[in-house]
């Protein structure tokens, strides 16, 4: 196993992790920002108010993006399996 292969594998793994997590994190961020603006406007200082909408937003994002996430993860897994042949050398 060459150092270049290890670096490429680590880079692709990090890239896959970031791409798969991004839609869920962005949905949570947007909902959290909207709830924070609502709390600032109405002067409601309840810390637990944002949890339920964030959970719902992440679940909706997961339903929407799940086919793409599974397709991407399947492609990534096939790519990792193709690296096994290179690692044996």
N, C-alpha and C. Protein backbone atom coordinates (compact mmCIF):
# COMPACT_ATOMS: atom_id res chain seq x y z
N UNK A 1 0.85 -1.17 0.00
CA UNK A 1 0.00 0.00 0.00
C UNK A 1 0.90 1.23 0.00
N UNK A 2 0.72 2.07 -0.99
CA UNK A 2 1.55 3.26 -1.11
C UNK A 2 0.97 4.41 -0.30
N UNK A 3 1.81 5.36 0.09
CA UNK A 3 1.30 6.53 0.82
C UNK A 3 0.28 7.34 0.01
N UNK A 4 0.47 7.38 -1.30
CA UNK A 4 -0.49 8.11 -2.14
C UNK A 4 -1.88 7.47 -2.09
N UNK A 5 -1.91 6.15 -2.06
CA UNK A 5 -3.19 5.44 -1.98
C UNK A 5 -3.88 5.71 -0.64
N UNK A 6 -3.10 5.75 0.42
CA UNK A 6 -3.67 6.02 1.74
C UNK A 6 -4.23 7.44 1.79
N UNK A 7 -3.49 8.39 1.24
CA UNK A 7 -3.96 9.78 1.23
C UNK A 7 -5.22 9.91 0.39
N UNK A 8 -5.24 9.25 -0.76
CA UNK A 8 -6.42 9.29 -1.62
C UNK A 8 -7.62 8.67 -0.93
N UNK A 9 -7.42 7.56 -0.26
CA UNK A 9 -8.51 6.91 0.46
C UNK A 9 -9.03 7.78 1.60
N UNK A 10 -8.13 8.40 2.34
CA UNK A 10 -8.54 9.28 3.43
C UNK A 10 -9.28 10.50 2.90
N UNK A 11 -8.79 11.07 1.79
CA UNK A 11 -9.44 12.24 1.21
C UNK A 11 -10.85 11.89 0.72
N UNK A 12 -10.99 10.77 0.03
CA UNK A 12 -12.31 10.36 -0.46
C UNK A 12 -13.27 10.03 0.69
N UNK A 13 -12.75 9.44 1.76
CA UNK A 13 -13.59 9.14 2.91
C UNK A 13 -14.10 10.41 3.56
N UNK A 14 -13.22 11.38 3.73
CA UNK A 14 -13.62 12.66 4.31
C UNK A 14 -14.62 13.37 3.40
N UNK A 15 -14.37 13.34 2.11
CA UNK A 15 -15.28 13.96 1.15
C UNK A 15 -16.66 13.31 1.20
N UNK A 16 -16.69 12.00 1.26
CA UNK A 16 -17.98 11.29 1.32
C UNK A 16 -18.73 11.63 2.61
N UNK A 17 -18.01 11.69 3.71
CA UNK A 17 -18.64 12.02 4.99
C UNK A 17 -19.25 13.42 4.95
N UNK A 18 -18.50 14.36 4.41
CA UNK A 18 -19.00 15.73 4.35
C UNK A 18 -20.20 15.85 3.41
N UNK A 19 -20.14 15.19 2.26
CA UNK A 19 -21.25 15.27 1.31
C UNK A 19 -22.51 14.60 1.84
N UNK A 20 -22.36 13.50 2.56
CA UNK A 20 -23.53 12.80 3.08
C UNK A 20 -24.15 13.54 4.27
N UNK A 21 -23.33 14.22 5.05
CA UNK A 21 -23.85 14.93 6.22
C UNK A 21 -24.38 16.31 5.88
N UNK A 22 -23.94 16.89 4.77
CA UNK A 22 -24.28 18.27 4.44
C UNK A 22 -25.78 18.56 4.36
N UNK A 23 -26.58 17.77 3.65
CA UNK A 23 -28.01 18.13 3.57
C UNK A 23 -28.70 18.15 4.93
N UNK A 24 -28.37 17.21 5.79
CA UNK A 24 -29.00 17.15 7.10
C UNK A 24 -28.54 18.32 7.98
N UNK A 25 -27.25 18.64 7.91
CA UNK A 25 -26.73 19.74 8.71
C UNK A 25 -27.26 21.08 8.22
N UNK A 26 -27.39 21.24 6.91
CA UNK A 26 -27.91 22.50 6.37
C UNK A 26 -29.37 22.68 6.76
N UNK A 27 -30.15 21.62 6.70
CA UNK A 27 -31.56 21.70 7.11
C UNK A 27 -31.66 22.10 8.58
N UNK A 28 -30.85 21.49 9.42
CA UNK A 28 -30.86 21.81 10.84
C UNK A 28 -30.40 23.25 11.08
N UNK A 29 -29.41 23.69 10.34
CA UNK A 29 -28.91 25.05 10.48
C UNK A 29 -29.97 26.08 10.09
N UNK A 30 -30.66 25.84 8.98
CA UNK A 30 -31.67 26.79 8.50
C UNK A 30 -32.83 26.87 9.49
N UNK A 31 -33.31 25.74 9.95
CA UNK A 31 -34.41 25.75 10.92
C UNK A 31 -33.98 26.40 12.23
N UNK A 32 -32.77 26.10 12.68
CA UNK A 32 -32.25 26.72 13.90
C UNK A 32 -32.16 28.23 13.78
N UNK A 33 -31.72 28.69 12.61
CA UNK A 33 -31.63 30.13 12.38
C UNK A 33 -33.01 30.78 12.37
N UNK A 34 -33.97 30.13 11.71
CA UNK A 34 -35.33 30.67 11.69
C UNK A 34 -35.95 30.71 13.09
N UNK A 35 -35.73 29.67 13.87
CA UNK A 35 -36.25 29.64 15.24
C UNK A 35 -35.58 30.72 16.09
N UNK A 36 -34.29 30.92 15.88
CA UNK A 36 -33.56 31.95 16.64
C UNK A 36 -34.08 33.34 16.31
N UNK A 37 -34.34 33.59 15.04
CA UNK A 37 -34.90 34.89 14.65
C UNK A 37 -36.29 35.06 15.26
N UNK A 38 -37.10 34.01 15.21
CA UNK A 38 -38.42 34.06 15.83
C UNK A 38 -38.33 34.35 17.33
N UNK A 39 -37.40 33.69 18.01
CA UNK A 39 -37.22 33.92 19.44
C UNK A 39 -36.75 35.33 19.73
N UNK A 40 -35.89 35.87 18.87
CA UNK A 40 -35.40 37.24 19.09
C UNK A 40 -36.52 38.26 18.87
N UNK A 41 -37.37 38.01 17.88
CA UNK A 41 -38.46 38.94 17.59
C UNK A 41 -39.51 38.90 18.68
N UNK A 42 -39.83 37.73 19.18
CA UNK A 42 -40.90 37.59 20.18
C UNK A 42 -40.40 37.62 21.61
N UNK A 43 -39.09 37.70 21.81
CA UNK A 43 -38.47 37.73 23.14
C UNK A 43 -38.77 36.47 23.95
N UNK A 44 -38.93 35.36 23.26
CA UNK A 44 -39.11 34.07 23.93
C UNK A 44 -37.71 33.49 24.13
N UNK A 45 -37.34 33.24 25.37
CA UNK A 45 -36.00 32.73 25.66
C UNK A 45 -36.04 31.28 26.13
N UNK A 46 -36.71 30.46 25.39
CA UNK A 46 -36.81 29.04 25.73
C UNK A 46 -35.79 28.27 24.91
N UNK A 47 -34.85 27.64 25.56
CA UNK A 47 -33.76 26.94 24.86
C UNK A 47 -34.24 25.67 24.17
N UNK A 48 -35.29 25.05 24.68
CA UNK A 48 -35.75 23.78 24.12
C UNK A 48 -36.72 23.95 22.97
N UNK A 49 -37.06 25.18 22.61
CA UNK A 49 -38.05 25.44 21.57
C UNK A 49 -37.58 24.96 20.19
N UNK A 50 -36.29 24.97 19.93
CA UNK A 50 -35.78 24.65 18.60
C UNK A 50 -35.59 23.15 18.37
N UNK A 51 -35.63 22.34 19.39
CA UNK A 51 -35.32 20.92 19.22
C UNK A 51 -36.33 20.18 18.34
N UNK A 52 -37.60 20.32 18.61
CA UNK A 52 -38.61 19.58 17.84
C UNK A 52 -38.62 19.97 16.36
N UNK A 53 -38.60 21.27 16.03
CA UNK A 53 -38.55 21.61 14.60
C UNK A 53 -37.27 21.13 13.91
N UNK A 54 -36.15 21.14 14.62
CA UNK A 54 -34.91 20.65 14.03
C UNK A 54 -34.99 19.15 13.75
N UNK A 55 -35.55 18.41 14.68
CA UNK A 55 -35.68 16.97 14.48
C UNK A 55 -36.58 16.68 13.28
N UNK A 56 -37.69 17.40 13.18
CA UNK A 56 -38.60 17.22 12.05
C UNK A 56 -37.90 17.59 10.74
N UNK A 57 -37.16 18.69 10.74
CA UNK A 57 -36.46 19.13 9.52
C UNK A 57 -35.41 18.11 9.09
N UNK A 58 -34.69 17.55 10.04
CA UNK A 58 -33.68 16.54 9.70
C UNK A 58 -34.36 15.28 9.17
N UNK A 59 -35.47 14.89 9.74
CA UNK A 59 -36.19 13.71 9.25
C UNK A 59 -36.72 13.94 7.84
N UNK A 60 -37.25 15.12 7.57
CA UNK A 60 -37.75 15.44 6.23
C UNK A 60 -36.60 15.46 5.23
N UNK A 61 -35.48 16.07 5.62
CA UNK A 61 -34.31 16.09 4.74
C UNK A 61 -33.80 14.68 4.49
N UNK A 62 -33.85 13.83 5.50
CA UNK A 62 -33.41 12.45 5.33
C UNK A 62 -34.32 11.71 4.35
N UNK A 63 -35.61 11.94 4.43
CA UNK A 63 -36.55 11.31 3.50
C UNK A 63 -36.30 11.80 2.07
N UNK A 64 -36.07 13.10 1.93
CA UNK A 64 -35.86 13.67 0.60
C UNK A 64 -34.54 13.21 0.00
N UNK A 65 -33.46 13.24 0.79
CA UNK A 65 -32.13 12.97 0.26
C UNK A 65 -31.69 11.51 0.39
N UNK A 66 -32.51 10.65 0.98
CA UNK A 66 -32.11 9.26 1.21
C UNK A 66 -31.76 8.51 -0.07
N UNK A 67 -32.53 8.63 -1.15
CA UNK A 67 -32.13 7.90 -2.37
C UNK A 67 -30.76 8.33 -2.89
N UNK A 68 -30.50 9.64 -2.90
CA UNK A 68 -29.20 10.12 -3.34
C UNK A 68 -28.09 9.66 -2.40
N UNK A 69 -28.35 9.70 -1.09
CA UNK A 69 -27.34 9.30 -0.12
C UNK A 69 -26.99 7.82 -0.28
N UNK A 70 -27.99 6.98 -0.50
CA UNK A 70 -27.73 5.55 -0.67
C UNK A 70 -26.98 5.28 -1.97
N UNK A 71 -27.34 5.99 -3.03
CA UNK A 71 -26.64 5.83 -4.30
C UNK A 71 -25.18 6.25 -4.16
N UNK A 72 -24.95 7.37 -3.51
CA UNK A 72 -23.57 7.85 -3.32
C UNK A 72 -22.77 6.88 -2.46
N UNK A 73 -23.40 6.39 -1.40
CA UNK A 73 -22.71 5.46 -0.51
C UNK A 73 -22.44 4.13 -1.22
N UNK A 74 -23.33 3.68 -2.06
CA UNK A 74 -23.09 2.46 -2.84
C UNK A 74 -21.92 2.63 -3.79
N UNK A 75 -21.88 3.78 -4.48
CA UNK A 75 -20.75 4.06 -5.38
C UNK A 75 -19.44 4.13 -4.60
N UNK A 76 -19.48 4.77 -3.45
CA UNK A 76 -18.28 4.88 -2.62
C UNK A 76 -17.81 3.50 -2.14
N UNK A 77 -18.75 2.66 -1.76
CA UNK A 77 -18.40 1.31 -1.31
C UNK A 77 -17.77 0.50 -2.43
N UNK A 78 -18.34 0.61 -3.63
CA UNK A 78 -17.73 -0.08 -4.78
C UNK A 78 -16.32 0.44 -5.05
N UNK A 79 -16.12 1.72 -4.89
CA UNK A 79 -14.79 2.30 -5.07
C UNK A 79 -13.80 1.77 -4.03
N UNK A 80 -14.26 1.64 -2.80
CA UNK A 80 -13.40 1.09 -1.73
C UNK A 80 -13.05 -0.36 -2.05
N UNK A 81 -14.03 -1.13 -2.51
CA UNK A 81 -13.75 -2.53 -2.87
C UNK A 81 -12.76 -2.62 -4.03
N UNK A 82 -12.81 -1.67 -4.94
CA UNK A 82 -11.83 -1.69 -6.03
C UNK A 82 -10.43 -1.36 -5.52
N UNK A 83 -10.34 -0.60 -4.43
CA UNK A 83 -9.03 -0.31 -3.83
C UNK A 83 -8.42 -1.55 -3.19
N UNK A 84 -9.24 -2.52 -2.81
CA UNK A 84 -8.70 -3.73 -2.17
C UNK A 84 -7.74 -4.44 -3.09
N UNK A 85 -8.07 -4.48 -4.36
CA UNK A 85 -7.16 -5.14 -5.33
C UNK A 85 -5.82 -4.39 -5.39
N UNK A 86 -5.86 -3.07 -5.28
CA UNK A 86 -4.63 -2.30 -5.30
C UNK A 86 -3.83 -2.45 -4.00
N UNK A 87 -4.50 -2.67 -2.90
CA UNK A 87 -3.83 -2.79 -1.60
C UNK A 87 -3.09 -4.11 -1.48
N UNK A 88 -3.52 -5.14 -2.19
CA UNK A 88 -2.87 -6.45 -2.08
C UNK A 88 -1.50 -6.46 -2.74
N UNK A 89 -1.25 -5.52 -3.62
CA UNK A 89 0.00 -5.48 -4.35
C UNK A 89 1.12 -4.90 -3.53
